[in-house]
Amino acid sequence: MQLGYDGFVLDQDKKLKLDQPVDRIFDLVGAATALDSMNNLKPFGIASITGDMGGVWDIDHFDPVTAIPNDRYMTSFASYVINEKQLNDLLQLITDKNVDVHPVKTFSLKQLPEAHEFLENQTKPGKVVILP
């Protein structure tokens, strides 16, 4: 696909509904589904456990040796951890390459239902911003 991913997979009762293992998983639900994501990877697959949408903040009794299948990799990303040099390098890259970083769409807080609908039907990558 042009957007850089093959498709979306929804979870049902915190379990992915896949016919076969996959190479990469970008898990926005977080700790609630992280172990299931790991178990749906092909050998040498990578799961980025990034979100907290599942309302669970940690994995009870997590032992990475037994929880992560052999030859699979778990990574994470947290936007609240900021490295000043990396941020400055990113800003310089945006300037040097003329990268358009404007939001795809902006909504007011009163338009939250419309914003949610837009996100569900979004067809191109980019940030959507909600303003007070």
Protein backbone atom coordinates (compact mmCIF):
# COMPACT_ATOMS: atom_id res chain seq x y z
CA MET A 1 0.00 0.00 0.00
CA GLN A 2 1.07 3.56 -0.62
CA LEU A 3 0.67 4.48 3.07
CA GLY A 4 3.31 2.00 4.25
CA TYR A 5 1.13 -0.68 5.79
CA ASP A 6 -0.77 -3.67 4.47
CA GLY A 7 -3.96 -3.18 6.44
CA PHE A 8 -5.68 -3.00 9.78
CA VAL A 9 -6.61 -5.86 12.06
CA LEU A 10 -9.19 -5.34 14.76
CA ASP A 11 -9.12 -7.18 18.03
CA GLN A 12 -12.09 -8.97 19.51
CA ASP A 13 -12.06 -9.50 23.26
CA LYS A 14 -8.43 -8.33 23.25
CA LYS A 15 -7.39 -11.04 20.75
CA LEU A 16 -6.28 -10.39 17.18
CA LYS A 17 -8.30 -12.13 14.50
CA LEU A 18 -5.55 -13.23 12.10
CA ASP A 19 -5.44 -16.17 9.71
CA GLN A 20 -1.66 -16.36 9.96
CA PRO A 21 1.23 -14.67 11.81
CA VAL A 22 2.51 -11.33 10.49
CA ASP A 23 5.90 -9.59 10.22
CA ARG A 24 5.04 -6.36 12.06
CA ILE A 25 2.41 -5.18 14.51
CA PHE A 26 1.86 -1.58 15.59
CA ASP A 27 -0.21 -2.09 18.74
CA LEU A 28 -2.11 1.01 19.85
CA VAL A 29 -4.10 -0.81 22.53
CA GLY A 30 -1.02 -1.40 24.69
CA ALA A 31 -0.49 -3.65 27.69
CA ALA A 32 -3.96 -5.18 27.40
CA THR A 33 -3.07 -6.79 24.05
CA ALA A 34 0.74 -6.79 24.00
CA LEU A 35 1.19 -10.49 24.72
CA ASP A 36 -1.39 -11.48 22.12
CA SER A 37 0.40 -9.25 19.60
CA MET A 38 3.69 -10.99 20.39
CA ASN A 39 2.08 -14.38 19.82
CA ASN A 40 0.82 -13.33 16.38
CA LEU A 41 4.27 -12.54 14.98
CA LYS A 42 6.26 -14.57 12.47
CA PRO A 43 9.81 -15.51 13.51
CA PHE A 44 11.93 -12.34 13.63
CA GLY A 45 8.76 -10.24 13.64
CA ILE A 46 8.55 -6.97 15.54
CA ALA A 47 5.69 -5.59 17.63
CA SER A 48 5.75 -1.94 18.63
CA ILE A 49 3.59 -1.62 21.73
CA THR A 50 2.82 2.06 21.54
CA GLY A 51 -0.66 2.91 22.75
CA ASP A 52 -2.56 2.83 26.00
CA MET A 53 -6.06 2.64 24.53
CA GLY A 54 -6.82 -0.59 26.39
CA GLY A 55 -6.94 1.15 29.75
CA VAL A 56 -4.30 -1.23 31.16
CA TRP A 57 -0.98 0.35 32.10
CA ASP A 58 1.20 -2.67 32.82
CA ILE A 59 1.35 -6.44 32.30
CA ASP A 60 0.83 -8.44 35.48
CA HIS A 61 3.65 -10.86 36.33
CA PHE A 62 5.47 -10.04 33.08
CA ASP A 63 8.51 -12.24 32.45
CA PRO A 64 10.06 -11.35 29.08
CA VAL A 65 11.88 -14.69 28.86
CA THR A 66 8.63 -16.64 28.83
CA ALA A 67 6.23 -13.98 27.52
CA ILE A 68 8.09 -13.06 24.32
CA PRO A 69 8.33 -15.98 21.91
CA ASN A 70 11.82 -16.89 20.70
CA ASP A 71 13.02 -14.86 17.73
CA ARG A 72 10.39 -12.13 18.17
CA TYR A 73 11.02 -8.53 19.16
CA MET A 74 9.05 -6.08 21.27
CA THR A 75 9.69 -2.35 21.03
CA SER A 76 7.86 0.71 22.30
CA PHE A 77 7.48 4.40 21.67
CA ALA A 78 6.51 7.09 24.15
CA SER A 79 6.04 10.64 22.93
CA TYR A 80 6.43 12.03 26.43
CA VAL A 81 10.13 11.08 26.52
CA ILE A 82 11.94 13.88 24.73
CA ASN A 83 15.60 13.99 23.82
CA GLU A 84 16.56 17.60 23.06
CA LYS A 85 19.19 16.75 20.43
CA GLN A 86 16.88 14.34 18.62
CA LEU A 87 14.10 16.91 18.64
CA ASN A 88 16.40 19.61 17.28
CA ASP A 89 17.69 17.20 14.60
CA LEU A 90 14.10 16.43 13.60
CA LEU A 91 13.19 20.13 13.41
CA GLN A 92 16.28 20.76 11.29
CA LEU A 93 15.34 17.90 8.94
CA ILE A 94 11.82 19.33 8.60
CA THR A 95 13.32 22.71 7.72
CA ASP A 96 15.99 21.34 5.35
CA LYS A 97 13.59 19.07 3.45
CA ASN A 98 10.56 21.41 3.50
CA VAL A 99 8.42 18.73 5.14
CA ASP A 100 4.79 19.78 5.45
CA VAL A 101 3.85 19.18 9.09
CA HIS A 102 0.50 20.91 9.06
CA PRO A 103 -2.42 18.89 10.45
CA VAL A 104 -4.56 17.06 7.92
CA LYS A 105 -7.64 18.42 9.67
CA THR A 106 -8.44 20.57 12.69
CA PHE A 107 -11.63 20.32 14.76
CA SER A 108 -12.99 22.20 17.76
CA LEU A 109 -13.78 20.31 20.94
CA LYS A 110 -17.47 20.76 20.14
CA GLN A 111 -16.86 18.81 16.91
CA LEU A 112 -15.49 15.75 18.69
CA PRO A 113 -18.02 13.32 17.12
CA GLU A 114 -17.12 14.61 13.65
CA ALA A 115 -13.42 14.30 14.45
CA HIS A 116 -13.89 10.71 15.56
CA GLU A 117 -15.80 9.90 12.37
CA PHE A 118 -13.06 11.55 10.29
CA LEU A 119 -10.38 9.46 12.03
CA GLU A 120 -12.31 6.25 11.43
CA ASN A 121 -12.50 7.04 7.71
CA GLN A 122 -9.12 8.74 7.29
CA THR A 123 -7.46 7.75 4.00
CA LYS A 124 -4.15 9.61 4.17
CA PRO A 125 -1.58 9.82 6.94
CA GLY A 126 -1.28 12.89 9.12
CA LYS A 127 -2.24 14.39 12.41
CA VAL A 128 -5.74 15.44 13.35
CA VAL A 129 -5.88 18.19 15.97
CA ILE A 130 -8.66 18.96 18.43
CA LEU A 131 -8.66 22.51 19.80
CA PRO A 132 -10.61 23.85 22.80
